[in-house]
Amino acid sequence: MKKRSNAPFFWLLFGAGGMLSALLGSALVLITGLATPLSLGLHGDFMAYPRMLAFAQNFVGKGFVFVVIALFAWHAAHRIFHSLHDVGIHNGATAKVVCYGSALVMTLVAAFNLLRIGF
């Protein structure tokens, strides 16, 4: 009898995070890292604290922020885990716990903080 694997779950999170980062990652970097600080086509208060707080307190905005943080974290964890072999680190149970555990911690911290700021 074949042993069951939890790999499909991690590949699902990796694929979803990869798709999301491909579609939104560069746009987020452009908006938050270049366009807003340099005032390139966006008005000065586009990313002001009250506006971003209102976005994060909205149900849809809260979901968007959570999905972006969580899926980016799981994508990075899976990529790092499978890249450990390239740098000479055996990817055993310890590496799996460290990589995927850090993604789980990031996901839980994001959920906790988003729930803490309220609706």
PDB file of N, CA and C in Angstrom:
ATOM      1  N   MET A   1       0.842  -1.180   0.000  1.00  0.00           N
ATOM      2  CA  MET A   1       0.000   0.000   0.000  1.00  0.00           C
ATOM      3  C   MET A   1       0.890   1.247   0.000  1.00  0.00           C
ATOM      4  N   LYS A   2       0.506   2.219  -0.797  1.00  0.00           N
ATOM      5  CA  LYS A   2       1.281   3.435  -0.934  1.00  0.00           C
ATOM      6  C   LYS A   2       1.090   4.347   0.273  1.00  0.00           C
ATOM      7  N   LYS A   3       2.185   4.980   0.699  1.00  0.00           N
ATOM      8  CA  LYS A   3       2.137   5.895   1.828  1.00  0.00           C
ATOM      9  C   LYS A   3       1.542   7.235   1.371  1.00  0.00           C
ATOM     10  N   ARG A   4       0.662   7.799   2.195  1.00  0.00           N
ATOM     11  CA  ARG A   4       0.049   9.093   1.869  1.00  0.00           C
ATOM     12  C   ARG A   4       1.052  10.210   2.070  1.00  0.00           C
ATOM     13  N   SER A   5       0.947  11.228   1.258  1.00  0.00           N
ATOM     14  CA  SER A   5       1.893  12.343   1.311  1.00  0.00           C
ATOM     15  C   SER A   5       1.144  13.642   1.554  1.00  0.00           C
ATOM     16  N   ASN A   6       1.807  14.563   2.245  1.00  0.00           N
ATOM     17  CA  ASN A   6       1.230  15.891   2.424  1.00  0.00           C
ATOM     18  C   ASN A   6       1.772  16.877   1.392  1.00  0.00           C
ATOM     19  N   ALA A   7       2.568  16.401   0.458  1.00  0.00           N
ATOM     20  CA  ALA A   7       3.173  17.258  -0.559  1.00  0.00           C
ATOM     21  C   ALA A   7       2.148  18.016  -1.416  1.00  0.00           C
ATOM     22  N   PRO A   8       1.020  17.421  -1.816  1.00  0.00           N
ATOM     23  CA  PRO A   8       0.079  18.185  -2.642  1.00  0.00           C
ATOM     24  C   PRO A   8      -0.428  19.459  -1.970  1.00  0.00           C
ATOM     25  N   PHE A   9      -0.591  19.436  -0.660  1.00  0.00           N
ATOM     26  CA  PHE A   9      -1.033  20.636   0.061  1.00  0.00           C
ATOM     27  C   PHE A   9      -0.008  21.753  -0.083  1.00  0.00           C
ATOM     28  N   PHE A  10       1.277  21.436   0.100  1.00  0.00           N
ATOM     29  CA  PHE A  10       2.325  22.448  -0.008  1.00  0.00           C
ATOM     30  C   PHE A  10       2.518  22.896  -1.448  1.00  0.00           C
ATOM     31  N   TRP A  11       2.355  21.985  -2.401  1.00  0.00           N
ATOM     32  CA  TRP A  11       2.447  22.379  -3.811  1.00  0.00           C
ATOM     33  C   TRP A  11       1.280  23.292  -4.194  1.00  0.00           C
ATOM     34  N   LEU A  12       0.114  23.067  -3.602  1.00  0.00           N
ATOM     35  CA  LEU A  12      -1.034  23.947  -3.849  1.00  0.00           C
ATOM     36  C   LEU A  12      -0.741  25.361  -3.360  1.00  0.00           C
ATOM     37  N   LEU A  13      -0.239  25.479  -2.132  1.00  0.00           N
ATOM     38  CA  LEU A  13       0.093  26.799  -1.592  1.00  0.00           C
ATOM     39  C   LEU A  13       1.227  27.444  -2.378  1.00  0.00           C
ATOM     40  N   PHE A  14       2.213  26.644  -2.788  1.00  0.00           N
ATOM     41  CA  PHE A  14       3.314  27.153  -3.603  1.00  0.00           C
ATOM     42  C   PHE A  14       2.799  27.687  -4.933  1.00  0.00           C
ATOM     43  N   GLY A  15       1.959  26.921  -5.591  1.00  0.00           N
ATOM     44  CA  GLY A  15       1.433  27.343  -6.888  1.00  0.00           C
ATOM     45  C   GLY A  15       0.557  28.578  -6.795  1.00  0.00           C
ATOM     46  N   ALA A  16      -0.292  28.622  -5.775  1.00  0.00           N
ATOM     47  CA  ALA A  16      -1.156  29.798  -5.598  1.00  0.00           C
ATOM     48  C   ALA A  16      -0.324  31.031  -5.282  1.00  0.00           C
ATOM     49  N   GLY A  17       0.683  30.875  -4.426  1.00  0.00           N
ATOM     50  CA  GLY A  17       1.557  31.997  -4.100  1.00  0.00           C
ATOM     51  C   GLY A  17       2.375  32.443  -5.291  1.00  0.00           C
ATOM     52  N   GLY A  18       2.832  31.499  -6.089  1.00  0.00           N
ATOM     53  CA  GLY A  18       3.589  31.836  -7.287  1.00  0.00           C
ATOM     54  C   GLY A  18       2.752  32.571  -8.312  1.00  0.00           C
ATOM     55  N   MET A  19       1.522  32.109  -8.499  1.00  0.00           N
ATOM     56  CA  MET A  19       0.633  32.790  -9.443  1.00  0.00           C
ATOM     57  C   MET A  19       0.326  34.206  -8.960  1.00  0.00           C
ATOM     58  N   LEU A  20       0.037  34.347  -7.673  1.00  0.00           N
ATOM     59  CA  LEU A  20      -0.284  35.658  -7.116  1.00  0.00           C
ATOM     60  C   LEU A  20       0.918  36.589  -7.187  1.00  0.00           C
ATOM     61  N   SER A  21       2.104  36.069  -6.887  1.00  0.00           N
ATOM     62  CA  SER A  21       3.285  36.924  -6.947  1.00  0.00           C
ATOM     63  C   SER A  21       3.605  37.321  -8.384  1.00  0.00           C
ATOM     64  N   ALA A  22       3.343  36.432  -9.329  1.00  0.00           N
ATOM     65  CA  ALA A  22       3.577  36.786 -10.733  1.00  0.00           C
ATOM     66  C   ALA A  22       2.597  37.851 -11.210  1.00  0.00           C
ATOM     67  N   LEU A  23       1.343  37.735 -10.755  1.00  0.00           N
ATOM     68  CA  LEU A  23       0.331  38.690 -11.203  1.00  0.00           C
ATOM     69  C   LEU A  23       0.386  40.025 -10.466  1.00  0.00           C
ATOM     70  N   LEU A  24       0.641  39.982  -9.158  1.00  0.00           N
ATOM     71  CA  LEU A  24       0.544  41.193  -8.356  1.00  0.00           C
ATOM     72  C   LEU A  24       1.851  41.691  -7.773  1.00  0.00           C
ATOM     73  N   GLY A  25       2.842  40.818  -7.645  1.00  0.00           N
ATOM     74  CA  GLY A  25       4.076  41.180  -6.960  1.00  0.00           C
ATOM     75  C   GLY A  25       4.774  42.389  -7.550  1.00  0.00           C
ATOM     76  N   SER A  26       4.976  42.398  -8.842  1.00  0.00           N
ATOM     77  CA  SER A  26       5.681  43.521  -9.466  1.00  0.00           C
ATOM     78  C   SER A  26       4.859  44.806  -9.389  1.00  0.00           C
ATOM     79  N   ALA A  27       3.543  44.703  -9.486  1.00  0.00           N
ATOM     80  CA  ALA A  27       2.699  45.893  -9.360  1.00  0.00           C
ATOM     81  C   ALA A  27       2.756  46.455  -7.945  1.00  0.00           C
ATOM     82  N   LEU A  28       2.772  45.581  -6.945  1.00  0.00           N
ATOM     83  CA  LEU A  28       2.877  46.043  -5.565  1.00  0.00           C
ATOM     84  C   LEU A  28       4.214  46.723  -5.303  1.00  0.00           C
ATOM     85  N   VAL A  29       5.288  46.158  -5.848  1.00  0.00           N
ATOM     86  CA  VAL A  29       6.604  46.779  -5.695  1.00  0.00           C
ATOM     87  C   VAL A  29       6.630  48.132  -6.394  1.00  0.00           C
ATOM     88  N   LEU A  30       6.063  48.201  -7.580  1.00  0.00           N
ATOM     89  CA  LEU A  30       6.036  49.463  -8.310  1.00  0.00           C
ATOM     90  C   LEU A  30       5.264  50.541  -7.552  1.00  0.00           C
ATOM     91  N   ILE A  31       4.089  50.183  -7.037  1.00  0.00           N
ATOM     92  CA  ILE A  31       3.248  51.165  -6.352  1.00  0.00           C
ATOM     93  C   ILE A  31       3.845  51.563  -5.005  1.00  0.00           C
ATOM     94  N   THR A  32       4.218  50.572  -4.181  1.00  0.00           N
ATOM     95  CA  THR A  32       4.668  50.882  -2.820  1.00  0.00           C
ATOM     96  C   THR A  32       6.135  51.268  -2.749  1.00  0.00           C
ATOM     97  N   GLY A  33       6.937  50.833  -3.693  1.00  0.00           N
ATOM     98  CA  GLY A  33       8.365  51.108  -3.630  1.00  0.00           C
ATOM     99  C   GLY A  33       8.851  52.226  -4.511  1.00  0.00           C
ATOM    100  N   LEU A  34       8.130  52.523  -5.586  1.00  0.00           N
ATOM    101  CA  LEU A  34       8.602  53.552  -6.511  1.00  0.00           C
ATOM    102  C   LEU A  34       7.593  54.675  -6.730  1.00  0.00           C
ATOM    103  N   ALA A  35       6.402  54.337  -7.191  1.00  0.00           N
ATOM    104  CA  ALA A  35       5.445  55.363  -7.603  1.00  0.00           C
ATOM    105  C   ALA A  35       5.004  56.252  -6.453  1.00  0.00           C
ATOM    106  N   THR A  36       4.682  55.677  -5.310  1.00  0.00           N
ATOM    107  CA  THR A  36       4.212  56.490  -4.187  1.00  0.00           C
ATOM    108  C   THR A  36       5.330  57.316  -3.558  1.00  0.00           C
ATOM    109  N   PRO A  37       6.481  56.725  -3.210  1.00  0.00           N
ATOM    110  CA  PRO A  37       7.524  57.559  -2.603  1.00  0.00           C
ATOM    111  C   PRO A  37       8.056  58.654  -3.521  1.00  0.00           C
ATOM    112  N   LEU A  38       8.084  58.396  -4.811  1.00  0.00           N
ATOM    113  CA  LEU A  38       8.611  59.380  -5.759  1.00  0.00           C
ATOM    114  C   LEU A  38       7.523  60.241  -6.393  1.00  0.00           C
ATOM    115  N   SER A  39       6.286  60.061  -5.968  1.00  0.00           N
ATOM    116  CA  SER A  39       5.121  60.804  -6.496  1.00  0.00           C
ATOM    117  C   SER A  39       5.031  60.706  -8.011  1.00  0.00           C
ATOM    118  N   LEU A  40       5.144  59.501  -8.530  1.00  0.00           N
ATOM    119  CA  LEU A  40       5.058  59.269  -9.968  1.00  0.00           C
ATOM    120  C   LEU A  40       3.629  58.875 -10.339  1.00  0.00           C
ATOM    121  N   GLY A  41       2.804  59.841 -10.648  1.00  0.00           N
ATOM    122  CA  GLY A  41       1.448  59.569 -11.093  1.00  0.00           C
ATOM    123  C   GLY A  41       0.437  59.333  -9.982  1.00  0.00           C
ATOM    124  N   LEU A  42       0.856  59.351  -8.738  1.00  0.00           N
ATOM    125  CA  LEU A  42      -0.048  59.150  -7.612  1.00  0.00           C
ATOM    126  C   LEU A  42       0.021  60.364  -6.706  1.00  0.00           C
ATOM    127  N   HIS A  43      -1.129  60.805  -6.212  1.00  0.00           N
ATOM    128  CA  HIS A  43      -1.111  61.977  -5.341  1.00  0.00           C
ATOM    129  C   HIS A  43      -0.492  61.631  -3.991  1.00  0.00           C
ATOM    130  N   GLY A  44      -0.085  62.644  -3.261  1.00  0.00           N
ATOM    131  CA  GLY A  44       0.713  62.481  -2.054  1.00  0.00           C
ATOM    132  C   GLY A  44       0.118  61.614  -0.968  1.00  0.00           C
ATOM    133  N   ASP A  45      -1.201  61.663  -0.786  1.00  0.00           N
ATOM    134  CA  ASP A  45      -1.798  60.894   0.306  1.00  0.00           C
ATOM    135  C   ASP A  45      -2.385  59.561  -0.167  1.00  0.00           C
ATOM    136  N   PHE A  46      -1.922  59.078  -1.308  1.00  0.00           N
ATOM    137  CA  PHE A  46      -2.449  57.819  -1.846  1.00  0.00           C
ATOM    138  C   PHE A  46      -2.278  56.668  -0.862  1.00  0.00           C
ATOM    139  N   MET A  47      -1.129  56.615  -0.203  1.00  0.00           N
ATOM    140  CA  MET A  47      -0.878  55.541   0.761  1.00  0.00           C
ATOM    141  C   MET A  47      -0.704  56.098   2.169  1.00  0.00           C
ATOM    142  N   ALA A  48      -1.459  57.133   2.492  1.00  0.00           N
ATOM    143  CA  ALA A  48      -1.402  57.712   3.828  1.00  0.00           C
ATOM    144  C   ALA A  48      -1.953  56.703   4.840  1.00  0.00           C
ATOM    145  N   TYR A  49      -1.503  56.832   6.099  1.00  0.00           N
ATOM    146  CA  TYR A  49      -1.889  55.877   7.131  1.00  0.00           C
ATOM    147  C   TYR A  49      -3.407  55.748   7.284  1.00  0.00           C
ATOM    148  N   PRO A  50      -4.165  56.846   7.383  1.00  0.00           N
ATOM    149  CA  PRO A  50      -5.620  56.670   7.543  1.00  0.00           C
ATOM    150  C   PRO A  50      -6.267  55.919   6.377  1.00  0.00           C
ATOM    151  N   ARG A  51      -5.781  56.152   5.184  1.00  0.00           N
ATOM    152  CA  ARG A  51      -6.327  55.477   4.011  1.00  0.00           C
ATOM    153  C   ARG A  51      -5.997  53.986   4.030  1.00  0.00           C
ATOM    154  N   MET A  52      -4.752  53.641   4.373  1.00  0.00           N
ATOM    155  CA  MET A  52      -4.352  52.235   4.430  1.00  0.00           C
ATOM    156  C   MET A  52      -5.024  51.516   5.599  1.00  0.00           C
ATOM    157  N   LEU A  53      -5.231  52.219   6.713  1.00  0.00           N
ATOM    158  CA  LEU A  53      -5.937  51.625   7.838  1.00  0.00           C
ATOM    159  C   LEU A  53      -7.383  51.325   7.454  1.00  0.00           C
ATOM    160  N   ALA A  54      -8.021  52.252   6.756  1.00  0.00           N
ATOM    161  CA  ALA A  54      -9.392  52.023   6.306  1.00  0.00           C
ATOM    162  C   ALA A  54      -9.457  50.840   5.337  1.00  0.00           C
ATOM    163  N   PHE A  55      -8.451  50.725   4.481  1.00  0.00           N
ATOM    164  CA  PHE A  55      -8.397  49.588   3.556  1.00  0.00           C
ATOM    165  C   PHE A  55      -8.257  48.276   4.318  1.00  0.00           C
ATOM    166  N   ALA A  56      -7.373  48.260   5.319  1.00  0.00           N
ATOM    167  CA  ALA A  56      -7.137  47.035   6.084  1.00  0.00           C
ATOM    168  C   ALA A  56      -8.295  46.705   7.018  1.00  0.00           C
ATOM    169  N   GLN A  57      -9.138  47.682   7.351  1.00  0.00           N
ATOM    170  CA  GLN A  57     -10.288  47.412   8.207  1.00  0.00           C
ATOM    171  C   GLN A  57     -11.510  46.967   7.411  1.00  0.00           C
ATOM    172  N   ASN A  58     -11.496  47.195   6.114  1.00  0.00           N
ATOM    173  CA  ASN A  58     -12.561  46.736   5.242  1.00  0.00           C
ATOM    174  C   ASN A  58     -12.427  45.223   5.066  1.00  0.00           C
ATOM    175  N   PHE A  59     -13.552  44.529   4.982  1.00  0.00           N
ATOM    176  CA  PHE A  59     -13.538  43.076   4.865  1.00  0.00           C
ATOM    177  C   PHE A  59     -12.777  42.612   3.630  1.00  0.00           C
ATOM    178  N   VAL A  60     -13.001  43.239   2.499  1.00  0.00           N
ATOM    179  CA  VAL A  60     -12.322  42.851   1.251  1.00  0.00           C
ATOM    180  C   VAL A  60     -10.842  43.203   1.318  1.00  0.00           C
ATOM    181  N   GLY A  61     -10.519  44.369   1.836  1.00  0.00           N
ATOM    182  CA  GLY A  61      -9.123  44.774   1.968  1.00  0.00           C
ATOM    183  C   GLY A  61      -8.363  43.876   2.921  1.00  0.00           C
ATOM    184  N   LYS A  62      -9.012  43.524   4.028  1.00  0.00           N
ATOM    185  CA  LYS A  62      -8.405  42.624   5.009  1.00  0.00           C
ATOM    186  C   LYS A  62      -8.122  41.260   4.367  1.00  0.00           C
ATOM    187  N   GLY A  63      -9.052  40.774   3.582  1.00  0.00           N
ATOM    188  CA  GLY A  63      -8.854  39.502   2.895  1.00  0.00           C
ATOM    189  C   GLY A  63      -7.727  39.571   1.882  1.00  0.00           C
ATOM    190  N   PHE A  64      -7.653  40.684   1.149  1.00  0.00           N
ATOM    191  CA  PHE A  64      -6.592  40.857   0.163  1.00  0.00           C
ATOM    192  C   PHE A  64      -5.226  40.875   0.832  1.00  0.00           C
ATOM    193  N   VAL A  65      -5.090  41.649   1.892  1.00  0.00           N
ATOM    194  CA  VAL A  65      -3.802  41.741   2.598  1.00  0.00           C
ATOM    195  C   VAL A  65      -3.412  40.376   3.158  1.00  0.00           C
ATOM    196  N   PHE A  66      -4.366  39.670   3.753  1.00  0.00           N
ATOM    197  CA  PHE A  66      -4.074  38.352   4.318  1.00  0.00           C
ATOM    198  C   PHE A  66      -3.644  37.360   3.242  1.00  0.00           C
ATOM    199  N   VAL A  67      -4.366  37.312   2.147  1.00  0.00           N
ATOM    200  CA  VAL A  67      -4.041  36.365   1.072  1.00  0.00           C
ATOM    201  C   VAL A  67      -2.667  36.670   0.484  1.00  0.00           C
ATOM    202  N   VAL A  68      -2.364  37.941   0.273  1.00  0.00           N
ATOM    203  CA  VAL A  68      -1.062  38.296  -0.287  1.00  0.00           C
ATOM    204  C   VAL A  68       0.058  37.885   0.666  1.00  0.00           C
ATOM    205  N   ILE A  69      -0.063  38.227   1.945  1.00  0.00           N
ATOM    206  CA  ILE A  69       0.993  37.886   2.898  1.00  0.00           C
ATOM    207  C   ILE A  69       1.131  36.372   3.044  1.00  0.00           C
ATOM    208  N   ALA A  70       0.019  35.688   3.242  1.00  0.00           N
ATOM    209  CA  ALA A  70       0.067  34.250   3.491  1.00  0.00           C
ATOM    210  C   ALA A  70       0.587  33.480   2.277  1.00  0.00           C
ATOM    211  N   LEU A  71       0.065  33.751   1.112  1.00  0.00           N
ATOM    212  CA  LEU A  71       0.491  32.985  -0.061  1.00  0.00           C
ATOM    213  C   LEU A  71       1.915  33.321  -0.483  1.00  0.00           C
ATOM    214  N   PHE A  72       2.336  34.575  -0.331  1.00  0.00           N
ATOM    215  CA  PHE A  72       3.729  34.912  -0.611  1.00  0.00           C
ATOM    216  C   PHE A  72       4.643  34.163   0.352  1.00  0.00           C
ATOM    217  N   ALA A  73       4.259  34.069   1.621  1.00  0.00           N
ATOM    218  CA  ALA A  73       5.076  33.375   2.622  1.00  0.00           C
ATOM    219  C   ALA A  73       5.177  31.887   2.313  1.00  0.00           C
ATOM    220  N   TRP A  74       4.056  31.244   1.964  1.00  0.00           N
ATOM    221  CA  TRP A  74       4.084  29.811   1.661  1.00  0.00           C
ATOM    222  C   TRP A  74       4.866  29.540   0.379  1.00  0.00           C
ATOM    223  N   HIS A  75       4.745  30.415  -0.595  1.00  0.00           N
ATOM    224  CA  HIS A  75       5.507  30.262  -1.836  1.00  0.00           C
ATOM    225  C   HIS A  75       7.002  30.347  -1.536  1.00  0.00           C
ATOM    226  N   ALA A  76       7.397  31.342  -0.757  1.00  0.00           N
ATOM    227  CA  ALA A  76       8.810  31.504  -0.414  1.00  0.00           C
ATOM    228  C   ALA A  76       9.323  30.316   0.396  1.00  0.00           C
ATOM    229  N   ALA A  77       8.531  29.844   1.348  1.00  0.00           N
ATOM    230  CA  ALA A  77       8.955  28.710   2.174  1.00  0.00           C
ATOM    231  C   ALA A  77       9.183  27.462   1.331  1.00  0.00           C
ATOM    232  N   HIS A  78       8.292  27.194   0.404  1.00  0.00           N
ATOM    233  CA  HIS A  78       8.421  26.007  -0.446  1.00  0.00           C
ATOM    234  C   HIS A  78       9.631  26.135  -1.369  1.00  0.00           C
ATOM    235  N   ARG A  79       9.827  27.323  -1.911  1.00  0.00           N
ATOM    236  CA  ARG A  79      10.975  27.544  -2.793  1.00  0.00           C
ATOM    237  C   ARG A  79      12.282  27.404  -2.011  1.00  0.00           C
ATOM    238  N   ILE A  80      12.340  27.962  -0.816  1.00  0.00           N
ATOM    239  CA  ILE A  80      13.545  27.849   0.013  1.00  0.00           C
ATOM    240  C   ILE A  80      13.793  26.394   0.387  1.00  0.00           C
ATOM    241  N   PHE A  81      12.753  25.684   0.784  1.00  0.00           N
ATOM    242  CA  PHE A  81      12.905  24.278   1.170  1.00  0.00           C
ATOM    243  C   PHE A  81      13.499  23.450   0.037  1.00  0.00           C
ATOM    244  N   HIS A  82      13.014  23.651  -1.167  1.00  0.00           N
ATOM    245  CA  HIS A  82      13.524  22.863  -2.292  1.00  0.00           C
ATOM    246  C   HIS A  82      14.848  23.394  -2.830  1.00  0.00           C
ATOM    247  N   SER A  83      15.259  24.588  -2.409  1.00  0.00           N
ATOM    248  CA  SER A  83      16.553  25.134  -2.824  1.00  0.00           C
ATOM    249  C   SER A  83      17.665  24.800  -1.846  1.00  0.00           C
ATOM    250  N   LEU A  84      17.339  24.255  -0.688  1.00  0.00           N
ATOM    251  CA  LEU A  84      18.357  23.922   0.302  1.00  0.00           C
ATOM    252  C   LEU A  84      19.368  22.917  -0.226  1.00  0.00           C
ATOM    253  N   HIS A  85      18.912  21.991  -1.044  1.00  0.00           N
ATOM    254  CA  HIS A  85      19.803  20.982  -1.616  1.00  0.00           C
ATOM    255  C   HIS A  85      20.894  21.639  -2.456  1.00  0.00           C
ATOM    256  N   ASP A  86      20.559  22.726  -3.143  1.00  0.00           N
ATOM    257  CA  ASP A  86      21.522  23.407  -4.000  1.00  0.00           C
ATOM    258  C   ASP A  86      22.661  24.051  -3.213  1.00  0.00           C
ATOM    259  N   VAL A  87      22.399  24.409  -1.960  1.00  0.00           N
ATOM    260  CA  VAL A  87      23.448  25.034  -1.145  1.00  0.00           C
ATOM    261  C   VAL A  87      24.084  24.049  -0.172  1.00  0.00           C
ATOM    262  N   GLY A  88      23.785  22.769  -0.331  1.00  0.00           N
ATOM    263  CA  GLY A  88      24.426  21.727   0.437  1.00  0.00           C
ATOM    264  C   GLY A  88      23.783  21.385   1.763  1.00  0.00           C
ATOM    265  N   ILE A  89      22.551  21.779   1.966  1.00  0.00           N
ATOM    266  CA  ILE A  89      21.838  21.458   3.200  1.00  0.00           C
ATOM    267  C   ILE A  89      20.838  20.353   2.893  1.00  0.00           C
ATOM    268  N   HIS A  90      20.911  19.276   3.679  1.00  0.00           N
ATOM    269  CA  HIS A  90      19.981  18.167   3.481  1.00  0.00           C
ATOM    270  C   HIS A  90      18.582  18.610   3.889  1.00  0.00           C
ATOM    271  N   ASN A  91      17.625  18.461   2.997  1.00  0.00           N
ATOM    272  CA  ASN A  91      16.261  18.912   3.292  1.00  0.00           C
ATOM    273  C   ASN A  91      15.462  17.799   3.962  1.00  0.00           C
ATOM    274  N   GLY A  92      15.751  17.572   5.229  1.00  0.00           N
ATOM    275  CA  GLY A  92      15.055  16.562   6.012  1.00  0.00           C
ATOM    276  C   GLY A  92      13.908  17.167   6.800  1.00  0.00           C
ATOM    277  N   ALA A  93      13.553  16.482   7.871  1.00  0.00           N
ATOM    278  CA  ALA A  93      12.413  16.914   8.685  1.00  0.00           C
ATOM    279  C   ALA A  93      12.665  18.258   9.357  1.00  0.00           C
ATOM    280  N   THR A  94      13.901  18.500   9.803  1.00  0.00           N
ATOM    281  CA  THR A  94      14.209  19.777  10.457  1.00  0.00           C
ATOM    282  C   THR A  94      14.041  20.939   9.493  1.00  0.00           C
ATOM    283  N   ALA A  95      14.556  20.787   8.282  1.00  0.00           N
ATOM    284  CA  ALA A  95      14.425  21.848   7.284  1.00  0.00           C
ATOM    285  C   ALA A  95      12.959  22.083   6.940  1.00  0.00           C
ATOM    286  N   LYS A  96      12.196  21.005   6.866  1.00  0.00           N
ATOM    287  CA  LYS A  96      10.769  21.137   6.562  1.00  0.00           C
ATOM    288  C   LYS A  96      10.047  21.896   7.665  1.00  0.00           C
ATOM    289  N   VAL A  97      10.356  21.570   8.913  1.00  0.00           N
ATOM    290  CA  VAL A  97       9.716  22.256  10.048  1.00  0.00           C
ATOM    291  C   VAL A  97      10.106  23.726  10.073  1.00  0.00           C
ATOM    292  N   VAL A  98      11.375  24.029   9.817  1.00  0.00           N
ATOM    293  CA  VAL A  98      11.823  25.425   9.838  1.00  0.00           C
ATOM    294  C   VAL A  98      11.169  26.219   8.705  1.00  0.00           C
ATOM    295  N   CYS A  99      11.206  25.682   7.503  1.00  0.00           N
ATOM    296  CA  CYS A  99      10.660  26.415   6.349  1.00  0.00           C
ATOM    297  C   CYS A  99       9.148  26.590   6.450  1.00  0.00           C
ATOM    298  N   TYR A 100       8.448  25.482   6.578  1.00  0.00           N
ATOM    299  CA  TYR A 100       6.996  25.559   6.595  1.00  0.00           C
ATOM    300  C   TYR A 100       6.477  26.117   7.922  1.00  0.00           C
ATOM    301  N   GLY A 101       7.223  25.906   8.998  1.00  0.00           N
ATOM    302  CA  GLY A 101       6.844  26.488  10.281  1.00  0.00           C
ATOM    303  C   GLY A 101       6.924  28.004  10.250  1.00  0.00           C
ATOM    304  N   SER A 102       7.949  28.537   9.579  1.00  0.00           N
ATOM    305  CA  SER A 102       8.057  29.995   9.471  1.00  0.00           C
ATOM    306  C   SER A 102       6.910  30.565   8.639  1.00  0.00           C
ATOM    307  N   ALA A 103       6.518  29.866   7.592  1.00  0.00           N
ATOM    308  CA  ALA A 103       5.373  30.324   6.794  1.00  0.00           C
ATOM    309  C   ALA A 103       4.090  30.272   7.612  1.00  0.00           C
ATOM    310  N   LEU A 104       3.943  29.236   8.416  1.00  0.00           N
ATOM    311  CA  LEU A 104       2.767  29.140   9.281  1.00  0.00           C
ATOM    312  C   LEU A 104       2.756  30.261  10.307  1.00  0.00           C
ATOM    313  N   VAL A 105       3.904  30.554  10.894  1.00  0.00           N
ATOM    314  CA  VAL A 105       3.989  31.645  11.872  1.00  0.00           C
ATOM    315  C   VAL A 105       3.643  32.979  11.213  1.00  0.00           C
ATOM    316  N   MET A 106       4.182  33.229  10.015  1.00  0.00           N
ATOM    317  CA  MET A 106       3.868  34.475   9.307  1.00  0.00           C
ATOM    318  C   MET A 106       2.383  34.578   9.000  1.00  0.00           C
ATOM    319  N   THR A 107       1.778  33.470   8.613  1.00  0.00           N
ATOM    320  CA  THR A 107       0.350  33.461   8.323  1.00  0.00           C
ATOM    321  C   THR A 107      -0.462  33.758   9.576  1.00  0.00           C
ATOM    322  N   LEU A 108      -0.095  33.127  10.682  1.00  0.00           N
ATOM    323  CA  LEU A 108      -0.827  33.348  11.934  1.00  0.00           C
ATOM    324  C   LEU A 108      -0.635  34.769  12.467  1.00  0.00           C
ATOM    325  N   VAL A 109       0.577  35.304  12.347  1.00  0.00           N
ATOM    326  CA  VAL A 109       0.832  36.681  12.787  1.00  0.00           C
ATOM    327  C   VAL A 109       0.029  37.656  11.931  1.00  0.00           C
ATOM    328  N   ALA A 110      -0.025  37.429  10.636  1.00  0.00           N
ATOM    329  CA  ALA A 110      -0.808  38.298   9.757  1.00  0.00           C
ATOM    330  C   ALA A 110      -2.286  38.232  10.118  1.00  0.00           C
ATOM    331  N   ALA A 111      -2.803  37.029  10.341  1.00  0.00           N
ATOM    332  CA  ALA A 111      -4.216  36.890  10.715  1.00  0.00           C
ATOM    333  C   ALA A 111      -4.500  37.562  12.047  1.00  0.00           C
ATOM    334  N   PHE A 112      -3.635  37.352  13.021  1.00  0.00           N
ATOM    335  CA  PHE A 112      -3.821  37.964  14.330  1.00  0.00           C
ATOM    336  C   PHE A 112      -3.831  39.480  14.247  1.00  0.00           C
ATOM    337  N   ASN A 113      -2.863  40.041  13.543  1.00  0.00           N
ATOM    338  CA  ASN A 113      -2.784  41.502  13.448  1.00  0.00           C
ATOM    339  C   ASN A 113      -3.920  42.102  12.644  1.00  0.00           C
ATOM    340  N   LEU A 114      -4.356  41.405  11.605  1.00  0.00           N
ATOM    341  CA  LEU A 114      -5.486  41.923  10.835  1.00  0.00           C
ATOM    342  C   LEU A 114      -6.772  41.857  11.640  1.00  0.00           C
ATOM    343  N   LEU A 115      -6.936  40.829  12.435  1.00  0.00           N
ATOM    344  CA  LEU A 115      -8.120  40.759  13.297  1.00  0.00           C
ATOM    345  C   LEU A 115      -8.045  41.772  14.438  1.00  0.00           C
ATOM    346  N   ARG A 116      -6.824  42.053  14.891  1.00  0.00           N
ATOM    347  CA  ARG A 116      -6.631  42.995  15.991  1.00  0.00           C
ATOM    348  C   ARG A 116      -7.007  44.434  15.612  1.00  0.00           C
ATOM    349  N   ILE A 117      -6.823  44.815  14.366  1.00  0.00           N
ATOM    350  CA  ILE A 117      -7.144  46.199  13.989  1.00  0.00           C
ATOM    351  C   ILE A 117      -8.644  46.404  13.797  1.00  0.00           C
ATOM    352  N   GLY A 118      -9.400  45.334  13.816  1.00  0.00           N
ATOM    353  CA  GLY A 118     -10.862  45.458  13.768  1.00  0.00           C
ATOM    354  C   GLY A 118     -11.414  45.653  12.379  1.00  0.00           C
ATOM    355  N   PHE A 119     -12.730  45.841  12.350  1.00  0.00           N
ATOM    356  CA  PHE A 119     -13.449  46.014  11.072  1.00  0.00           C
ATOM    357  C   PHE A 119     -14.039  47.398  10.990  1.00  0.00           C
TER     358      PHE A 119
END
